[in-house]
Amino acid sequence: MTIKEKMYGTVAVISLKGNLVGEPDTDNLRDKIYSLIQEGFSRVVIDMKGVRWISSSGLGTLIAALTSVRNKSGDLRLANITDKVESLFAITQLVKVFKTYETVDRAVASFK
């Protein structure tokens, strides 16, 4: 999995490409989120456009990231969720936990 980072003012956007199914990918994503929090970023968007599949471990990592960001008085949004991943979010009821957006621009704009 590749992880790319881009800043939009005070919002950090993390773009993922590949499958989020376990180590080392989940560790790398967790480390990226924690480093952003340490740098003072509490508004994070994860661009899921390139994610084909997520395992339970990957879901746990996303939930942990959401909790960590919210503990710093911030929030985390998801953008560009694929149909396959969206169905998994519906089955697990995570659609009620995460704020999702059709595009990165809309997710970033939602912080204003």
PDB file of N, CA and C in Angstrom:
ATOM      1  N   MET A   1       0.834  -1.173   0.000  1.00  0.00           N
ATOM      2  CA  MET A   1       0.000   0.000   0.000  1.00  0.00           C
ATOM      3  C   MET A   1       0.879   1.238   0.000  1.00  0.00           C
ATOM      4  N   THR A   2       0.467   2.226  -0.772  1.00  0.00           N
ATOM      5  CA  THR A   2       1.179   3.498  -0.763  1.00  0.00           C
ATOM      6  C   THR A   2       0.328   4.536  -0.042  1.00  0.00           C
ATOM      7  N   ILE A   3       1.012   5.409   0.692  1.00  0.00           N
ATOM      8  CA  ILE A   3       0.358   6.466   1.447  1.00  0.00           C
ATOM      9  C   ILE A   3       0.995   7.783   1.032  1.00  0.00           C
ATOM     10  N   LYS A   4       0.148   8.707   0.540  1.00  0.00           N
ATOM     11  CA  LYS A   4       0.634  10.029   0.150  1.00  0.00           C
ATOM     12  C   LYS A   4      -0.085  11.067   0.999  1.00  0.00           C
ATOM     13  N   GLU A   5       0.618  12.137   1.265  1.00  0.00           N
ATOM     14  CA  GLU A   5       0.100  13.197   2.136  1.00  0.00           C
ATOM     15  C   GLU A   5       0.124  14.523   1.393  1.00  0.00           C
ATOM     16  N   LYS A   6      -0.945  15.308   1.553  1.00  0.00           N
ATOM     17  CA  LYS A   6      -1.013  16.635   0.955  1.00  0.00           C
ATOM     18  C   LYS A   6      -1.763  17.540   1.915  1.00  0.00           C
ATOM     19  N   MET A   7      -1.327  18.778   2.036  1.00  0.00           N
ATOM     20  CA  MET A   7      -1.959  19.727   2.953  1.00  0.00           C
ATOM     21  C   MET A   7      -2.834  20.710   2.185  1.00  0.00           C
ATOM     22  N   TYR A   8      -4.012  20.941   2.725  1.00  0.00           N
ATOM     23  CA  TYR A   8      -4.931  21.952   2.219  1.00  0.00           C
ATOM     24  C   TYR A   8      -5.182  22.917   3.372  1.00  0.00           C
ATOM     25  N   GLY A   9      -4.293  23.874   3.551  1.00  0.00           N
ATOM     26  CA  GLY A   9      -4.401  24.777   4.694  1.00  0.00           C
ATOM     27  C   GLY A   9      -4.178  24.005   5.981  1.00  0.00           C
ATOM     28  N   THR A  10      -5.225  23.982   6.833  1.00  0.00           N
ATOM     29  CA  THR A  10      -5.114  23.284   8.119  1.00  0.00           C
ATOM     30  C   THR A  10      -5.629  21.851   8.055  1.00  0.00           C
ATOM     31  N   VAL A  11      -5.962  21.390   6.851  1.00  0.00           N
ATOM     32  CA  VAL A  11      -6.491  20.027   6.675  1.00  0.00           C
ATOM     33  C   VAL A  11      -5.438  19.155   5.994  1.00  0.00           C
ATOM     34  N   ALA A  12      -5.150  18.012   6.619  1.00  0.00           N
ATOM     35  CA  ALA A  12      -4.222  17.046   6.036  1.00  0.00           C
ATOM     36  C   ALA A  12      -5.024  16.004   5.269  1.00  0.00           C
ATOM     37  N   VAL A  13      -4.623  15.740   4.023  1.00  0.00           N
ATOM     38  CA  VAL A  13      -5.277  14.719   3.204  1.00  0.00           C
ATOM     39  C   VAL A  13      -4.293  13.579   2.982  1.00  0.00           C
ATOM     40  N   ILE A  14      -4.727  12.394   3.368  1.00  0.00           N
ATOM     41  CA  ILE A  14      -3.919  11.195   3.179  1.00  0.00           C
ATOM     42  C   ILE A  14      -4.577  10.366   2.089  1.00  0.00           C
ATOM     43  N   SER A  15      -3.853  10.097   1.024  1.00  0.00           N
ATOM     44  CA  SER A  15      -4.366   9.278  -0.073  1.00  0.00           C
ATOM     45  C   SER A  15      -3.784   7.878   0.028  1.00  0.00           C
ATOM     46  N   LEU A  16      -4.665   6.892  -0.006  1.00  0.00           N
ATOM     47  CA  LEU A  16      -4.254   5.495   0.098  1.00  0.00           C
ATOM     48  C   LEU A  16      -4.435   4.794  -1.239  1.00  0.00           C
ATOM     49  N   LYS A  17      -3.521   3.882  -1.542  1.00  0.00           N
ATOM     50  CA  LYS A  17      -3.646   3.073  -2.750  1.00  0.00           C
ATOM     51  C   LYS A  17      -3.199   1.652  -2.431  1.00  0.00           C
ATOM     52  N   GLY A  18      -4.103   0.691  -2.652  1.00  0.00           N
ATOM     53  CA  GLY A  18      -3.811  -0.703  -2.354  1.00  0.00           C
ATOM     54  C   GLY A  18      -4.850  -1.270  -1.415  1.00  0.00           C
ATOM     55  N   ASN A  19      -4.521  -2.360  -0.770  1.00  0.00           N
ATOM     56  CA  ASN A  19      -5.421  -2.998   0.185  1.00  0.00           C
ATOM     57  C   ASN A  19      -4.979  -2.687   1.604  1.00  0.00           C
ATOM     58  N   LEU A  20      -5.948  -2.410   2.472  1.00  0.00           N
ATOM     59  CA  LEU A  20      -5.661  -2.135   3.877  1.00  0.00           C
ATOM     60  C   LEU A  20      -6.055  -3.381   4.661  1.00  0.00           C
ATOM     61  N   VAL A  21      -5.142  -4.358   4.683  1.00  0.00           N
ATOM     62  CA  VAL A  21      -5.498  -5.675   5.214  1.00  0.00           C
ATOM     63  C   VAL A  21      -4.646  -6.154   6.386  1.00  0.00           C
ATOM     64  N   GLY A  22      -3.688  -5.393   6.817  1.00  0.00           N
ATOM     65  CA  GLY A  22      -2.864  -5.842   7.935  1.00  0.00           C
ATOM     66  C   GLY A  22      -1.502  -5.199   7.897  1.00  0.00           C
ATOM     67  N   GLU A  23      -0.610  -5.729   8.745  1.00  0.00           N
ATOM     68  CA  GLU A  23       0.743  -5.186   8.811  1.00  0.00           C
ATOM     69  C   GLU A  23       1.481  -5.483   7.516  1.00  0.00           C
ATOM     70  N   PRO A  24       2.357  -4.623   7.057  1.00  0.00           N
ATOM     71  CA  PRO A  24       2.773  -3.362   7.677  1.00  0.00           C
ATOM     72  C   PRO A  24       1.878  -2.179   7.302  1.00  0.00           C
ATOM     73  N   ASP A  25       0.897  -2.395   6.413  1.00  0.00           N
ATOM     74  CA  ASP A  25       0.081  -1.279   5.921  1.00  0.00           C
ATOM     75  C   ASP A  25      -0.693  -0.580   7.032  1.00  0.00           C
ATOM     76  N   THR A  26      -1.305  -1.347   7.929  1.00  0.00           N
ATOM     77  CA  THR A  26      -2.069  -0.731   9.012  1.00  0.00           C
ATOM     78  C   THR A  26      -1.141   0.044   9.954  1.00  0.00           C
ATOM     79  N   ASP A  27       0.042  -0.496  10.208  1.00  0.00           N
ATOM     80  CA  ASP A  27       1.016   0.203  11.058  1.00  0.00           C
ATOM     81  C   ASP A  27       1.463   1.506  10.405  1.00  0.00           C
ATOM     82  N   ASN A  28       1.703   1.464   9.097  1.00  0.00           N
ATOM     83  CA  ASN A  28       2.143   2.662   8.381  1.00  0.00           C
ATOM     84  C   ASN A  28       1.082   3.757   8.415  1.00  0.00           C
ATOM     85  N   LEU A  29      -0.179   3.371   8.230  1.00  0.00           N
ATOM     86  CA  LEU A  29      -1.263   4.351   8.282  1.00  0.00           C
ATOM     87  C   LEU A  29      -1.392   4.917   9.697  1.00  0.00           C
ATOM     88  N   ARG A  30      -1.348   4.059  10.682  1.00  0.00           N
ATOM     89  CA  ARG A  30      -1.441   4.506  12.077  1.00  0.00           C
ATOM     90  C   ARG A  30      -0.299   5.474  12.400  1.00  0.00           C
ATOM     91  N   ASP A  31       0.914   5.141  11.979  1.00  0.00           N
ATOM     92  CA  ASP A  31       2.066   6.019  12.219  1.00  0.00           C
ATOM     93  C   ASP A  31       1.888   7.366  11.532  1.00  0.00           C
ATOM     94  N   LYS A  32       1.349   7.359  10.322  1.00  0.00           N
ATOM     95  CA  LYS A  32       1.128   8.607   9.576  1.00  0.00           C
ATOM     96  C   LYS A  32       0.137   9.495  10.311  1.00  0.00           C
ATOM     97  N   ILE A  33      -0.971   8.914  10.782  1.00  0.00           N
ATOM     98  CA  ILE A  33      -1.983   9.680  11.512  1.00  0.00           C
ATOM     99  C   ILE A  33      -1.378  10.260  12.794  1.00  0.00           C
ATOM    100  N   TYR A  34      -0.657   9.434  13.541  1.00  0.00           N
ATOM    101  CA  TYR A  34      -0.061   9.900  14.793  1.00  0.00           C
ATOM    102  C   TYR A  34       0.962  11.008  14.555  1.00  0.00           C
ATOM    103  N   SER A  35       1.728  10.905  13.475  1.00  0.00           N
ATOM    104  CA  SER A  35       2.708  11.959  13.197  1.00  0.00           C
ATOM    105  C   SER A  35       2.007  13.270  12.836  1.00  0.00           C
ATOM    106  N   LEU A  36       0.892  13.181  12.120  1.00  0.00           N
ATOM    107  CA  LEU A  36       0.133  14.397  11.801  1.00  0.00           C
ATOM    108  C   LEU A  36      -0.412  15.045  13.070  1.00  0.00           C
ATOM    109  N   ILE A  37      -0.919  14.216  13.978  1.00  0.00           N
ATOM    110  CA  ILE A  37      -1.432  14.733  15.253  1.00  0.00           C
ATOM    111  C   ILE A  37      -0.301  15.422  16.028  1.00  0.00           C
ATOM    112  N   GLN A  38       0.871  14.800  16.045  1.00  0.00           N
ATOM    113  CA  GLN A  38       2.021  15.385  16.751  1.00  0.00           C
ATOM    114  C   GLN A  38       2.434  16.721  16.133  1.00  0.00           C
ATOM    115  N   GLU A  39       2.226  16.853  14.819  1.00  0.00           N
ATOM    116  CA  GLU A  39       2.566  18.098  14.128  1.00  0.00           C
ATOM    117  C   GLU A  39       1.484  19.163  14.306  1.00  0.00           C
ATOM    118  N   GLY A  40       0.396  18.806  14.977  1.00  0.00           N
ATOM    119  CA  GLY A  40      -0.654  19.779  15.240  1.00  0.00           C
ATOM    120  C   GLY A  40      -1.850  19.727  14.309  1.00  0.00           C
ATOM    121  N   PHE A  41      -1.885  18.755  13.413  1.00  0.00           N
ATOM    122  CA  PHE A  41      -3.023  18.627  12.503  1.00  0.00           C
ATOM    123  C   PHE A  41      -4.113  17.790  13.166  1.00  0.00           C
ATOM    124  N   SER A  42      -5.285  18.386  13.342  1.00  0.00           N
ATOM    125  CA  SER A  42      -6.394  17.653  13.947  1.00  0.00           C
ATOM    126  C   SER A  42      -7.567  17.519  12.981  1.00  0.00           C
ATOM    127  N   ARG A  43      -7.374  17.967  11.765  1.00  0.00           N
ATOM    128  CA  ARG A  43      -8.379  17.814  10.704  1.00  0.00           C
ATOM    129  C   ARG A  43      -7.765  16.950   9.609  1.00  0.00           C
ATOM    130  N   VAL A  44      -8.318  15.758   9.444  1.00  0.00           N
ATOM    131  CA  VAL A  44      -7.725  14.792   8.523  1.00  0.00           C
ATOM    132  C   VAL A  44      -8.794  14.232   7.597  1.00  0.00           C
ATOM    133  N   VAL A  45      -8.446  14.138   6.318  1.00  0.00           N
ATOM    134  CA  VAL A  45      -9.283  13.471   5.320  1.00  0.00           C
ATOM    135  C   VAL A  45      -8.478  12.295   4.790  1.00  0.00           C
ATOM    136  N   ILE A  46      -9.103  11.125   4.754  1.00  0.00           N
ATOM    137  CA  ILE A  46      -8.464   9.966   4.134  1.00  0.00           C
ATOM    138  C   ILE A  46      -9.159   9.707   2.808  1.00  0.00           C
ATOM    139  N   ASP A  47      -8.394   9.838   1.728  1.00  0.00           N
ATOM    140  CA  ASP A  47      -8.904   9.587   0.376  1.00  0.00           C
ATOM    141  C   ASP A  47      -8.809   8.082   0.116  1.00  0.00           C
ATOM    142  N   MET A  48      -9.968   7.442   0.019  1.00  0.00           N
ATOM    143  CA  MET A  48     -10.046   5.983  -0.114  1.00  0.00           C
ATOM    144  C   MET A  48     -10.173   5.519  -1.568  1.00  0.00           C
ATOM    145  N   LYS A  49     -10.001   6.435  -2.503  1.00  0.00           N
ATOM    146  CA  LYS A  49     -10.211   6.125  -3.920  1.00  0.00           C
ATOM    147  C   LYS A  49      -9.422   4.903  -4.398  1.00  0.00           C
ATOM    148  N   GLY A  50      -8.208   4.763  -3.916  1.00  0.00           N
ATOM    149  CA  GLY A  50      -7.350   3.671  -4.369  1.00  0.00           C
ATOM    150  C   GLY A  50      -7.413   2.415  -3.525  1.00  0.00           C
ATOM    151  N   VAL A  51      -8.325   2.379  -2.547  1.00  0.00           N
ATOM    152  CA  VAL A  51      -8.416   1.211  -1.658  1.00  0.00           C
ATOM    153  C   VAL A  51      -9.417   0.220  -2.237  1.00  0.00           C
ATOM    154  N   ARG A  52      -8.929  -0.971  -2.547  1.00  0.00           N
ATOM    155  CA  ARG A  52      -9.798  -2.000  -3.129  1.00  0.00           C
ATOM    156  C   ARG A  52     -10.475  -2.841  -2.064  1.00  0.00           C
ATOM    157  N   TRP A  53      -9.788  -3.084  -0.951  1.00  0.00           N
ATOM    158  CA  TRP A  53     -10.348  -3.940   0.092  1.00  0.00           C
ATOM    159  C   TRP A  53      -9.786  -3.566   1.454  1.00  0.00           C
ATOM    160  N   ILE A  54     -10.612  -3.754   2.490  1.00  0.00           N
ATOM    161  CA  ILE A  54     -10.204  -3.502   3.869  1.00  0.00           C
ATOM    162  C   ILE A  54     -10.567  -4.725   4.699  1.00  0.00           C
ATOM    163  N   SER A  55      -9.623  -5.185   5.513  1.00  0.00           N
ATOM    164  CA  SER A  55      -9.883  -6.297   6.434  1.00  0.00           C
ATOM    165  C   SER A  55     -10.365  -5.731   7.764  1.00  0.00           C
ATOM    166  N   SER A  56     -10.668  -6.623   8.699  1.00  0.00           N
ATOM    167  CA  SER A  56     -11.070  -6.178  10.042  1.00  0.00           C
ATOM    168  C   SER A  56      -9.942  -5.399  10.699  1.00  0.00           C
ATOM    169  N   SER A  57      -8.716  -5.786  10.441  1.00  0.00           N
ATOM    170  CA  SER A  57      -7.561  -5.071  10.971  1.00  0.00           C
ATOM    171  C   SER A  57      -7.516  -3.641  10.413  1.00  0.00           C
ATOM    172  N   GLY A  58      -7.800  -3.506   9.139  1.00  0.00           N
ATOM    173  CA  GLY A  58      -7.840  -2.183   8.506  1.00  0.00           C
ATOM    174  C   GLY A  58      -8.955  -1.324   9.075  1.00  0.00           C
ATOM    175  N   LEU A  59     -10.123  -1.930   9.298  1.00  0.00           N
ATOM    176  CA  LEU A  59     -11.236  -1.197   9.906  1.00  0.00           C
ATOM    177  C   LEU A  59     -10.854  -0.724  11.310  1.00  0.00           C
ATOM    178  N   GLY A  60     -10.197  -1.589  12.059  1.00  0.00           N
ATOM    179  CA  GLY A  60      -9.745  -1.225  13.399  1.00  0.00           C
ATOM    180  C   GLY A  60      -8.784  -0.052  13.376  1.00  0.00           C
ATOM    181  N   THR A  61      -7.923  -0.032  12.382  1.00  0.00           N
ATOM    182  CA  THR A  61      -6.967   1.068  12.240  1.00  0.00           C
ATOM    183  C   THR A  61      -7.696   2.374  11.957  1.00  0.00           C
ATOM    184  N   LEU A  62      -8.705   2.333  11.088  1.00  0.00           N
ATOM    185  CA  LEU A  62      -9.478   3.546  10.789  1.00  0.00           C
ATOM    186  C   LEU A  62     -10.222   4.042  12.027  1.00  0.00           C
ATOM    187  N   ILE A  63     -10.788   3.126  12.788  1.00  0.00           N
ATOM    188  CA  ILE A  63     -11.505   3.502  14.015  1.00  0.00           C
ATOM    189  C   ILE A  63     -10.531   4.105  15.031  1.00  0.00           C
ATOM    190  N   ALA A  64      -9.359   3.498  15.180  1.00  0.00           N
ATOM    191  CA  ALA A  64      -8.338   4.025  16.091  1.00  0.00           C
ATOM    192  C   ALA A  64      -7.891   5.417  15.656  1.00  0.00           C
ATOM    193  N   ALA A  65      -7.733   5.615  14.352  1.00  0.00           N
ATOM    194  CA  ALA A  65      -7.332   6.925  13.828  1.00  0.00           C
ATOM    195  C   ALA A  65      -8.403   7.969  14.130  1.00  0.00           C
ATOM    196  N   LEU A  66      -9.659   7.613  13.919  1.00  0.00           N
ATOM    197  CA  LEU A  66     -10.772   8.521  14.210  1.00  0.00           C
ATOM    198  C   LEU A  66     -10.771   8.898  15.689  1.00  0.00           C
ATOM    199  N   THR A  67     -10.612   7.929  16.546  1.00  0.00           N
ATOM    200  CA  THR A  67     -10.595   8.175  17.990  1.00  0.00           C
ATOM    201  C   THR A  67      -9.434   9.079  18.383  1.00  0.00           C
ATOM    202  N   SER A  68      -8.258   8.818  17.839  1.00  0.00           N
ATOM    203  CA  SER A  68      -7.074   9.614  18.163  1.00  0.00           C
ATOM    204  C   SER A  68      -7.249  11.072  17.749  1.00  0.00           C
ATOM    205  N   VAL A  69      -7.781  11.291  16.553  1.00  0.00           N
ATOM    206  CA  VAL A  69      -7.976  12.656  16.061  1.00  0.00           C
ATOM    207  C   VAL A  69      -9.044  13.365  16.888  1.00  0.00           C
ATOM    208  N   ARG A  70     -10.121  12.673  17.201  1.00  0.00           N
ATOM    209  CA  ARG A  70     -11.183  13.292  18.003  1.00  0.00           C
ATOM    210  C   ARG A  70     -10.715  13.592  19.428  1.00  0.00           C
ATOM    211  N   ASN A  71      -9.808  12.795  19.953  1.00  0.00           N
ATOM    212  CA  ASN A  71      -9.253  13.059  21.284  1.00  0.00           C
ATOM    213  C   ASN A  71      -8.439  14.356  21.316  1.00  0.00           C
ATOM    214  N   LYS A  72      -8.007  14.821  20.165  1.00  0.00           N
ATOM    215  CA  LYS A  72      -7.273  16.091  20.042  1.00  0.00           C
ATOM    216  C   LYS A  72      -8.208  17.201  19.557  1.00  0.00           C
ATOM    217  N   SER A  73      -9.503  17.037  19.792  1.00  0.00           N
ATOM    218  CA  SER A  73     -10.529  18.016  19.404  1.00  0.00           C
ATOM    219  C   SER A  73     -10.603  18.236  17.905  1.00  0.00           C
ATOM    220  N   GLY A  74     -10.274  17.211  17.143  1.00  0.00           N
ATOM    221  CA  GLY A  74     -10.350  17.293  15.695  1.00  0.00           C
ATOM    222  C   GLY A  74     -11.373  16.317  15.158  1.00  0.00           C
ATOM    223  N   ASP A  75     -11.269  16.049  13.857  1.00  0.00           N
ATOM    224  CA  ASP A  75     -12.151  15.066  13.248  1.00  0.00           C
ATOM    225  C   ASP A  75     -11.474  14.480  12.022  1.00  0.00           C
ATOM    226  N   LEU A  76     -12.000  13.355  11.601  1.00  0.00           N
ATOM    227  CA  LEU A  76     -11.486  12.630  10.452  1.00  0.00           C
ATOM    228  C   LEU A  76     -12.646  12.356   9.515  1.00  0.00           C
ATOM    229  N   ARG A  77     -12.432  12.600   8.229  1.00  0.00           N
ATOM    230  CA  ARG A  77     -13.442  12.354   7.211  1.00  0.00           C
ATOM    231  C   ARG A  77     -12.879  11.358   6.196  1.00  0.00           C
ATOM    232  N   LEU A  78     -13.775  10.624   5.547  1.00  0.00           N
ATOM    233  CA  LEU A  78     -13.382   9.704   4.483  1.00  0.00           C
ATOM    234  C   LEU A  78     -13.959  10.209   3.167  1.00  0.00           C
ATOM    235  N   ALA A  79     -13.180  10.083   2.101  1.00  0.00           N
ATOM    236  CA  ALA A  79     -13.622  10.532   0.779  1.00  0.00           C
ATOM    237  C   ALA A  79     -13.385   9.440  -0.254  1.00  0.00           C
ATOM    238  N   ASN A  80     -14.192   9.469  -1.308  1.00  0.00           N
ATOM    239  CA  ASN A  80     -14.025   8.572  -2.462  1.00  0.00           C
ATOM    240  C   ASN A  80     -14.058   7.092  -2.097  1.00  0.00           C
ATOM    241  N   ILE A  81     -15.007   6.699  -1.280  1.00  0.00           N
ATOM    242  CA  ILE A  81     -15.101   5.290  -0.893  1.00  0.00           C
ATOM    243  C   ILE A  81     -15.641   4.477  -2.065  1.00  0.00           C
ATOM    244  N   THR A  82     -14.967   3.382  -2.387  1.00  0.00           N
ATOM    245  CA  THR A  82     -15.397   2.523  -3.489  1.00  0.00           C
ATOM    246  C   THR A  82     -16.647   1.738  -3.083  1.00  0.00           C
ATOM    247  N   ASP A  83     -17.366   1.225  -4.061  1.00  0.00           N
ATOM    248  CA  ASP A  83     -18.601   0.485  -3.786  1.00  0.00           C
ATOM    249  C   ASP A  83     -18.359  -0.720  -2.888  1.00  0.00           C
ATOM    250  N   LYS A  84     -17.289  -1.446  -3.146  1.00  0.00           N
ATOM    251  CA  LYS A  84     -16.979  -2.650  -2.356  1.00  0.00           C
ATOM    252  C   LYS A  84     -16.718  -2.290  -0.896  1.00  0.00           C
ATOM    253  N   VAL A  85     -15.936  -1.250  -0.682  1.00  0.00           N
ATOM    254  CA  VAL A  85     -15.628  -0.811   0.678  1.00  0.00           C
ATOM    255  C   VAL A  85     -16.872  -0.207   1.336  1.00  0.00           C
ATOM    256  N   GLU A  86     -17.661   0.511   0.564  1.00  0.00           N
ATOM    257  CA  GLU A  86     -18.888   1.102   1.111  1.00  0.00           C
ATOM    258  C   GLU A  86     -19.856   0.027   1.600  1.00  0.00           C
ATOM    259  N   SER A  87     -19.953  -1.076   0.868  1.00  0.00           N
ATOM    260  CA  SER A  87     -20.832  -2.162   1.312  1.00  0.00           C
ATOM    261  C   SER A  87     -20.333  -2.759   2.630  1.00  0.00           C
ATOM    262  N   LEU A  88     -19.031  -2.845   2.799  1.00  0.00           N
ATOM    263  CA  LEU A  88     -18.463  -3.322   4.054  1.00  0.00           C
ATOM    264  C   LEU A  88     -18.790  -2.361   5.199  1.00  0.00           C
ATOM    265  N   PHE A  89     -18.710  -1.068   4.922  1.00  0.00           N
ATOM    266  CA  PHE A  89     -19.063  -0.067   5.927  1.00  0.00           C
ATOM    267  C   PHE A  89     -20.542  -0.171   6.295  1.00  0.00           C
ATOM    268  N   ALA A  90     -21.392  -0.472   5.342  1.00  0.00           N
ATOM    269  CA  ALA A  90     -22.825  -0.613   5.614  1.00  0.00           C
ATOM    270  C   ALA A  90     -23.087  -1.846   6.478  1.00  0.00           C
ATOM    271  N   ILE A  91     -22.457  -2.952   6.146  1.00  0.00           N
ATOM    272  CA  ILE A  91     -22.645  -4.202   6.893  1.00  0.00           C
ATOM    273  C   ILE A  91     -22.187  -4.041   8.340  1.00  0.00           C
ATOM    274  N   THR A  92     -21.070  -3.346   8.542  1.00  0.00           N
ATOM    275  CA  THR A  92     -20.502  -3.190   9.886  1.00  0.00           C
ATOM    276  C   THR A  92     -21.089  -1.984  10.641  1.00  0.00           C
ATOM    277  N   GLN A  93     -21.986  -1.269   9.990  1.00  0.00           N
ATOM    278  CA  GLN A  93     -22.624  -0.082  10.580  1.00  0.00           C
ATOM    279  C   GLN A  93     -21.653   1.086  10.777  1.00  0.00           C
ATOM    280  N   LEU A  94     -20.487   1.018  10.160  1.00  0.00           N
ATOM    281  CA  LEU A  94     -19.529   2.113  10.293  1.00  0.00           C
ATOM    282  C   LEU A  94     -19.950   3.350   9.511  1.00  0.00           C
ATOM    283  N   VAL A  95     -20.965   3.210   8.647  1.00  0.00           N
ATOM    284  CA  VAL A  95     -21.500   4.383   7.946  1.00  0.00           C
ATOM    285  C   VAL A  95     -22.094   5.369   8.946  1.00  0.00           C
ATOM    286  N   LYS A  96     -22.457   4.889  10.122  1.00  0.00           N
ATOM    287  CA  LYS A  96     -23.006   5.749  11.178  1.00  0.00           C
ATOM    288  C   LYS A  96     -21.906   6.404  12.006  1.00  0.00           C
ATOM    289  N   VAL A  97     -20.686   5.901  11.884  1.00  0.00           N
ATOM    290  CA  VAL A  97     -19.567   6.393  12.692  1.00  0.00           C
ATOM    291  C   VAL A  97     -18.734   7.414  11.929  1.00  0.00           C
ATOM    292  N   PHE A  98     -18.460   7.130  10.652  1.00  0.00           N
ATOM    293  CA  PHE A  98     -17.604   7.996   9.837  1.00  0.00           C
ATOM    294  C   PHE A  98     -18.430   8.947   8.981  1.00  0.00           C
ATOM    295  N   LYS A  99     -17.910  10.156   8.822  1.00  0.00           N
ATOM    296  CA  LYS A  99     -18.495  11.107   7.874  1.00  0.00           C
ATOM    297  C   LYS A  99     -17.811  10.843   6.539  1.00  0.00           C
ATOM    298  N   THR A 100     -18.616  10.567   5.514  1.00  0.00           N
ATOM    299  CA  THR A 100     -18.056  10.240   4.202  1.00  0.00           C
ATOM    300  C   THR A 100     -18.512  11.260   3.169  1.00  0.00           C
ATOM    301  N   TYR A 101     -17.665  11.475   2.179  1.00  0.00           N
ATOM    302  CA  TYR A 101     -17.918  12.454   1.126  1.00  0.00           C
ATOM    303  C   TYR A 101     -17.541  11.869  -0.224  1.00  0.00           C
ATOM    304  N   GLU A 102     -18.206  12.379  -1.265  1.00  0.00           N
ATOM    305  CA  GLU A 102     -17.976  11.876  -2.619  1.00  0.00           C
ATOM    306  C   GLU A 102     -16.599  12.260  -3.148  1.00  0.00           C
ATOM    307  N   THR A 103     -16.096  13.424  -2.724  1.00  0.00           N
ATOM    308  CA  THR A 103     -14.807  13.907  -3.224  1.00  0.00           C
ATOM    309  C   THR A 103     -13.957  14.432  -2.066  1.00  0.00           C
ATOM    310  N   VAL A 104     -12.671  14.532  -2.314  1.00  0.00           N
ATOM    311  CA  VAL A 104     -11.756  15.111  -1.334  1.00  0.00           C
ATOM    312  C   VAL A 104     -12.101  16.579  -1.109  1.00  0.00           C
ATOM    313  N   ASP A 105     -12.423  17.304  -2.185  1.00  0.00           N
ATOM    314  CA  ASP A 105     -12.740  18.730  -2.057  1.00  0.00           C
ATOM    315  C   ASP A 105     -13.929  18.944  -1.124  1.00  0.00           C
ATOM    316  N   ARG A 106     -14.956  18.118  -1.241  1.00  0.00           N
ATOM    317  CA  ARG A 106     -16.120  18.255  -0.373  1.00  0.00           C
ATOM    318  C   ARG A 106     -15.767  17.918   1.074  1.00  0.00           C
ATOM    319  N   ALA A 107     -14.931  16.902   1.262  1.00  0.00           N
ATOM    320  CA  ALA A 107     -14.514  16.524   2.619  1.00  0.00           C
ATOM    321  C   ALA A 107     -13.709  17.654   3.257  1.00  0.00           C
ATOM    322  N   VAL A 108     -12.796  18.246   2.499  1.00  0.00           N
ATOM    323  CA  VAL A 108     -11.991  19.358   3.014  1.00  0.00           C
ATOM    324  C   VAL A 108     -12.892  20.545   3.325  1.00  0.00           C
ATOM    325  N   ALA A 109     -13.825  20.855   2.419  1.00  0.00           N
ATOM    326  CA  ALA A 109     -14.739  21.994   2.608  1.00  0.00           C
ATOM    327  C   ALA A 109     -15.639  21.801   3.827  1.00  0.00           C
ATOM    328  N   SER A 110     -15.907  20.562   4.204  1.00  0.00           N
ATOM    329  CA  SER A 110     -16.796  20.294   5.344  1.00  0.00           C
ATOM    330  C   SER A 110     -16.197  20.757   6.675  1.00  0.00           C
ATOM    331  N   PHE A 111     -14.903  21.027   6.701  1.00  0.00           N
ATOM    332  CA  PHE A 111     -14.254  21.497   7.917  1.00  0.00           C
ATOM    333  C   PHE A 111     -14.430  22.998   8.134  1.00  0.00           C
ATOM    334  N   LYS A 112     -14.926  23.705   7.132  1.00  0.00           N
ATOM    335  CA  LYS A 112     -15.039  25.169   7.234  1.00  0.00           C
ATOM    336  C   LYS A 112     -16.336  25.588   7.853  1.00  0.00           C
TER     337      LYS A 112
END
